[in-house]
N, C-alpha and C. Protein backbone atom coordinates (compact mmCIF):
# COMPACT_ATOMS: atom_id res chain seq x y z
N UNK A 1 73.42 50.05 44.76
CA UNK A 1 73.68 48.83 45.52
C UNK A 1 73.64 49.15 47.01
N UNK A 2 72.89 48.39 47.74
CA UNK A 2 72.82 48.52 49.18
C UNK A 2 74.11 47.99 49.78
N UNK A 3 74.64 48.72 50.74
CA UNK A 3 75.87 48.28 51.39
C UNK A 3 75.66 48.22 52.90
N UNK A 4 76.43 47.38 53.52
CA UNK A 4 76.43 47.25 54.97
C UNK A 4 77.48 48.21 55.51
N UNK A 5 77.06 49.31 56.15
CA UNK A 5 78.03 50.31 56.60
C UNK A 5 79.11 49.74 57.54
N UNK A 6 78.75 48.85 58.41
CA UNK A 6 79.73 48.28 59.35
C UNK A 6 80.77 47.44 58.59
N UNK A 7 80.32 46.69 57.58
CA UNK A 7 81.25 45.87 56.80
C UNK A 7 82.16 46.77 55.97
N UNK A 8 81.61 47.85 55.42
CA UNK A 8 82.44 48.79 54.66
C UNK A 8 83.51 49.42 55.55
N UNK A 9 83.15 49.76 56.77
CA UNK A 9 84.13 50.31 57.72
C UNK A 9 85.19 49.27 58.09
N UNK A 10 84.75 48.03 58.26
CA UNK A 10 85.68 46.92 58.53
C UNK A 10 86.73 46.83 57.41
N UNK A 11 86.26 46.88 56.16
CA UNK A 11 87.18 46.76 55.02
C UNK A 11 88.14 47.95 54.95
N UNK A 12 87.65 49.14 55.32
CA UNK A 12 88.53 50.32 55.30
C UNK A 12 89.56 50.24 56.42
N UNK A 13 89.14 49.78 57.57
CA UNK A 13 90.03 49.73 58.74
C UNK A 13 91.03 48.57 58.63
N UNK A 14 90.55 47.46 58.11
CA UNK A 14 91.38 46.25 57.99
C UNK A 14 91.34 45.74 56.54
N UNK A 15 91.97 46.48 55.61
CA UNK A 15 91.85 46.13 54.19
C UNK A 15 92.30 44.71 53.85
N UNK A 16 93.38 44.24 54.45
CA UNK A 16 93.86 42.89 54.15
C UNK A 16 92.85 41.84 54.61
N UNK A 17 92.30 42.05 55.79
CA UNK A 17 91.29 41.11 56.30
C UNK A 17 90.03 41.16 55.44
N UNK A 18 89.67 42.34 54.95
CA UNK A 18 88.51 42.46 54.07
C UNK A 18 88.68 41.66 52.80
N UNK A 19 89.87 41.72 52.23
CA UNK A 19 90.16 40.93 51.01
C UNK A 19 90.09 39.44 51.32
N UNK A 20 90.70 39.05 52.45
CA UNK A 20 90.71 37.63 52.82
C UNK A 20 89.30 37.12 53.09
N UNK A 21 88.46 37.96 53.68
CA UNK A 21 87.07 37.55 53.93
C UNK A 21 86.35 37.30 52.61
N UNK A 22 86.56 38.17 51.64
CA UNK A 22 85.97 37.98 50.32
C UNK A 22 86.46 36.70 49.66
N UNK A 23 87.73 36.41 49.85
CA UNK A 23 88.29 35.19 49.29
C UNK A 23 87.73 33.95 50.01
N UNK A 24 87.44 34.08 51.29
CA UNK A 24 86.86 32.97 52.04
C UNK A 24 85.53 32.57 51.42
N UNK A 25 84.68 33.55 51.12
CA UNK A 25 83.39 33.23 50.51
C UNK A 25 83.61 32.51 49.18
N UNK A 26 84.52 33.01 48.37
CA UNK A 26 84.78 32.38 47.08
C UNK A 26 85.36 30.98 47.25
N UNK A 27 86.11 30.76 48.32
CA UNK A 27 86.72 29.46 48.57
C UNK A 27 85.66 28.42 48.95
N UNK A 28 84.72 28.81 49.80
CA UNK A 28 83.72 27.84 50.27
C UNK A 28 82.53 27.69 49.34
N UNK A 29 82.31 28.67 48.47
CA UNK A 29 81.20 28.61 47.53
C UNK A 29 81.62 27.79 46.31
N UNK A 30 81.05 26.63 46.20
CA UNK A 30 81.36 25.75 45.08
C UNK A 30 80.50 26.07 43.86
N UNK A 31 80.35 25.10 43.01
CA UNK A 31 79.60 25.29 41.78
C UNK A 31 78.29 24.47 41.77
N UNK A 32 78.03 23.71 42.82
CA UNK A 32 76.85 22.85 42.85
C UNK A 32 75.57 23.65 42.95
N UNK A 33 75.61 24.80 43.63
CA UNK A 33 74.41 25.62 43.80
C UNK A 33 74.49 26.84 42.88
N UNK A 34 73.36 27.20 42.31
CA UNK A 34 73.33 28.43 41.51
C UNK A 34 73.32 29.62 42.45
N UNK A 35 73.57 30.80 41.89
CA UNK A 35 73.70 32.02 42.72
C UNK A 35 72.42 32.33 43.48
N UNK A 36 71.27 32.13 42.86
CA UNK A 36 70.01 32.40 43.56
C UNK A 36 69.88 31.53 44.79
N UNK A 37 70.15 30.26 44.65
CA UNK A 37 70.05 29.33 45.77
C UNK A 37 71.05 29.69 46.87
N UNK A 38 72.26 30.05 46.48
CA UNK A 38 73.26 30.48 47.48
C UNK A 38 72.76 31.67 48.27
N UNK A 39 72.18 32.64 47.60
CA UNK A 39 71.70 33.84 48.28
C UNK A 39 70.54 33.51 49.21
N UNK A 40 69.65 32.61 48.80
CA UNK A 40 68.53 32.22 49.65
C UNK A 40 69.02 31.49 50.90
N UNK A 41 70.00 30.62 50.74
CA UNK A 41 70.57 29.92 51.88
C UNK A 41 71.23 30.94 52.82
N UNK A 42 72.00 31.84 52.23
CA UNK A 42 72.69 32.86 53.02
C UNK A 42 71.70 33.72 53.79
N UNK A 43 70.58 34.07 53.16
CA UNK A 43 69.56 34.86 53.86
C UNK A 43 68.97 34.10 55.04
N UNK A 44 68.80 32.79 54.90
CA UNK A 44 68.32 32.00 56.02
C UNK A 44 69.30 32.03 57.17
N UNK A 45 70.55 31.92 56.87
CA UNK A 45 71.58 31.94 57.91
C UNK A 45 71.64 33.33 58.57
N UNK A 46 71.63 34.36 57.76
CA UNK A 46 71.70 35.73 58.31
C UNK A 46 70.49 36.06 59.15
N UNK A 47 69.33 35.50 58.79
CA UNK A 47 68.12 35.69 59.60
C UNK A 47 68.30 35.02 60.95
N UNK A 48 68.84 33.81 60.96
CA UNK A 48 69.00 33.07 62.21
C UNK A 48 69.97 33.77 63.16
N UNK A 49 70.97 34.45 62.60
CA UNK A 49 71.92 35.14 63.46
C UNK A 49 71.55 36.61 63.67
N UNK A 50 70.38 37.01 63.15
CA UNK A 50 69.82 38.35 63.37
C UNK A 50 70.68 39.48 62.81
N UNK A 51 71.32 39.29 61.70
CA UNK A 51 72.21 40.33 61.19
C UNK A 51 71.51 41.13 60.11
N UNK A 52 70.69 42.08 60.55
CA UNK A 52 69.85 42.86 59.65
C UNK A 52 70.62 43.63 58.57
N UNK A 53 71.76 44.26 58.86
CA UNK A 53 72.45 44.99 57.78
C UNK A 53 72.83 44.09 56.62
N UNK A 54 73.28 42.88 56.92
CA UNK A 54 73.63 41.95 55.84
C UNK A 54 72.39 41.38 55.17
N UNK A 55 71.30 41.21 55.92
CA UNK A 55 70.05 40.76 55.34
C UNK A 55 69.64 41.73 54.24
N UNK A 56 69.74 43.02 54.52
CA UNK A 56 69.36 44.04 53.54
C UNK A 56 70.19 43.89 52.25
N UNK A 57 71.49 43.71 52.40
CA UNK A 57 72.39 43.58 51.26
C UNK A 57 72.04 42.33 50.46
N UNK A 58 71.85 41.22 51.15
CA UNK A 58 71.67 39.96 50.45
C UNK A 58 70.26 39.78 49.89
N UNK A 59 69.30 40.55 50.37
CA UNK A 59 68.00 40.57 49.70
C UNK A 59 68.20 41.10 48.30
N UNK A 60 68.96 42.15 48.16
CA UNK A 60 69.21 42.72 46.83
C UNK A 60 70.00 41.76 45.94
N UNK A 61 70.97 41.09 46.54
CA UNK A 61 71.75 40.13 45.77
C UNK A 61 70.86 38.96 45.31
N UNK A 62 69.95 38.52 46.16
CA UNK A 62 69.03 37.45 45.79
C UNK A 62 68.11 37.90 44.65
N UNK A 63 67.60 39.12 44.76
CA UNK A 63 66.73 39.63 43.69
C UNK A 63 67.50 39.73 42.38
N UNK A 64 68.74 40.21 42.45
CA UNK A 64 69.57 40.32 41.25
C UNK A 64 69.85 38.93 40.65
N UNK A 65 69.89 37.90 41.50
CA UNK A 65 70.15 36.55 41.02
C UNK A 65 68.88 35.86 40.53
N UNK A 66 67.75 36.57 40.59
CA UNK A 66 66.52 36.03 40.04
C UNK A 66 65.51 35.52 41.05
N UNK A 67 65.77 35.69 42.31
CA UNK A 67 64.82 35.26 43.32
C UNK A 67 63.61 36.19 43.34
N UNK A 68 62.45 35.63 43.64
CA UNK A 68 61.25 36.45 43.78
C UNK A 68 61.11 36.86 45.24
N UNK A 69 60.28 37.84 45.48
CA UNK A 69 60.01 38.26 46.86
C UNK A 69 59.45 37.11 47.67
N UNK A 70 58.59 36.32 47.03
CA UNK A 70 57.99 35.18 47.73
C UNK A 70 59.05 34.13 48.09
N UNK A 71 60.00 33.89 47.21
CA UNK A 71 61.07 32.94 47.51
C UNK A 71 61.94 33.43 48.67
N UNK A 72 62.22 34.72 48.67
CA UNK A 72 63.01 35.32 49.74
C UNK A 72 62.29 35.17 51.08
N UNK A 73 61.02 35.53 51.09
CA UNK A 73 60.24 35.43 52.33
C UNK A 73 60.17 33.98 52.81
N UNK A 74 59.95 33.04 51.88
CA UNK A 74 59.86 31.64 52.30
C UNK A 74 61.19 31.13 52.84
N UNK A 75 62.29 31.48 52.21
CA UNK A 75 63.60 31.06 52.68
C UNK A 75 63.85 31.57 54.10
N UNK A 76 63.39 32.78 54.36
CA UNK A 76 63.59 33.35 55.69
C UNK A 76 62.62 32.76 56.71
N UNK A 77 61.39 32.50 56.28
CA UNK A 77 60.40 31.88 57.18
C UNK A 77 60.82 30.47 57.60
N UNK A 78 61.54 29.77 56.71
CA UNK A 78 61.98 28.42 57.03
C UNK A 78 62.96 28.38 58.20
N UNK A 79 63.49 29.54 58.57
CA UNK A 79 64.42 29.57 59.71
C UNK A 79 63.69 29.49 61.05
N UNK A 80 62.40 29.76 61.06
CA UNK A 80 61.67 29.84 62.32
C UNK A 80 61.69 28.52 63.10
N UNK A 81 61.40 27.35 62.50
CA UNK A 81 61.41 26.12 63.29
C UNK A 81 62.78 25.81 63.93
N UNK A 82 63.86 26.03 63.21
CA UNK A 82 65.19 25.68 63.73
C UNK A 82 65.83 26.86 64.46
N UNK A 83 65.63 28.07 63.96
CA UNK A 83 66.32 29.21 64.51
C UNK A 83 65.50 30.02 65.51
N UNK A 84 64.20 29.87 65.49
CA UNK A 84 63.34 30.57 66.43
C UNK A 84 62.63 31.77 65.83
N UNK A 85 61.42 31.97 66.29
CA UNK A 85 60.62 33.10 65.84
C UNK A 85 61.27 34.43 66.20
N UNK A 86 61.87 34.53 67.38
CA UNK A 86 62.48 35.80 67.80
C UNK A 86 63.57 36.26 66.85
N UNK A 87 64.35 35.32 66.33
CA UNK A 87 65.40 35.68 65.39
C UNK A 87 64.80 36.22 64.09
N UNK A 88 63.75 35.58 63.61
CA UNK A 88 63.08 36.07 62.42
C UNK A 88 62.49 37.46 62.67
N UNK A 89 61.82 37.63 63.80
CA UNK A 89 61.18 38.91 64.10
C UNK A 89 62.20 40.04 64.25
N UNK A 90 63.42 39.70 64.65
CA UNK A 90 64.46 40.71 64.82
C UNK A 90 64.83 41.36 63.48
N UNK A 91 64.71 40.63 62.38
CA UNK A 91 65.08 41.18 61.07
C UNK A 91 63.88 41.48 60.20
N UNK A 92 62.69 41.06 60.64
CA UNK A 92 61.49 41.21 59.83
C UNK A 92 61.21 42.65 59.37
N UNK A 93 61.36 43.67 60.22
CA UNK A 93 61.14 45.04 59.71
C UNK A 93 62.07 45.40 58.57
N UNK A 94 63.32 44.96 58.63
CA UNK A 94 64.26 45.25 57.56
C UNK A 94 63.87 44.51 56.28
N UNK A 95 63.39 43.28 56.43
CA UNK A 95 62.94 42.51 55.28
C UNK A 95 61.79 43.22 54.59
N UNK A 96 60.81 43.64 55.37
CA UNK A 96 59.66 44.34 54.81
C UNK A 96 60.09 45.60 54.08
N UNK A 97 60.95 46.37 54.70
CA UNK A 97 61.43 47.63 54.08
C UNK A 97 62.12 47.35 52.74
N UNK A 98 63.02 46.39 52.72
CA UNK A 98 63.78 46.10 51.51
C UNK A 98 62.90 45.56 50.40
N UNK A 99 61.94 44.72 50.75
CA UNK A 99 61.10 44.13 49.71
C UNK A 99 60.06 45.10 49.17
N UNK A 100 59.82 46.17 49.89
CA UNK A 100 58.88 47.20 49.40
C UNK A 100 59.52 48.23 48.51
N UNK A 101 60.85 48.22 48.42
CA UNK A 101 61.57 49.20 47.59
C UNK A 101 61.37 48.93 46.12
């Protein structure tokens, strides 16, 4: 499993906050969307905020949830009109690396 080193360090340094952060995701994630859709949406958001370490992690989660490489790429490309090409390009090398594994 791919992990985000900075997030792992956050959880070690602030264990209570790490648990609460995990609970926050579970609190806001309802049942209307399936796991694959949630991961694709999350990848779009992470692309827009240029957070490559989490993009790497959530690419794997999306694949595990049944997303195809093409679906992942399309979800991330959809961020370009609203989030900007520069944001997409900032994470694009990481996307290519992860999808080639």
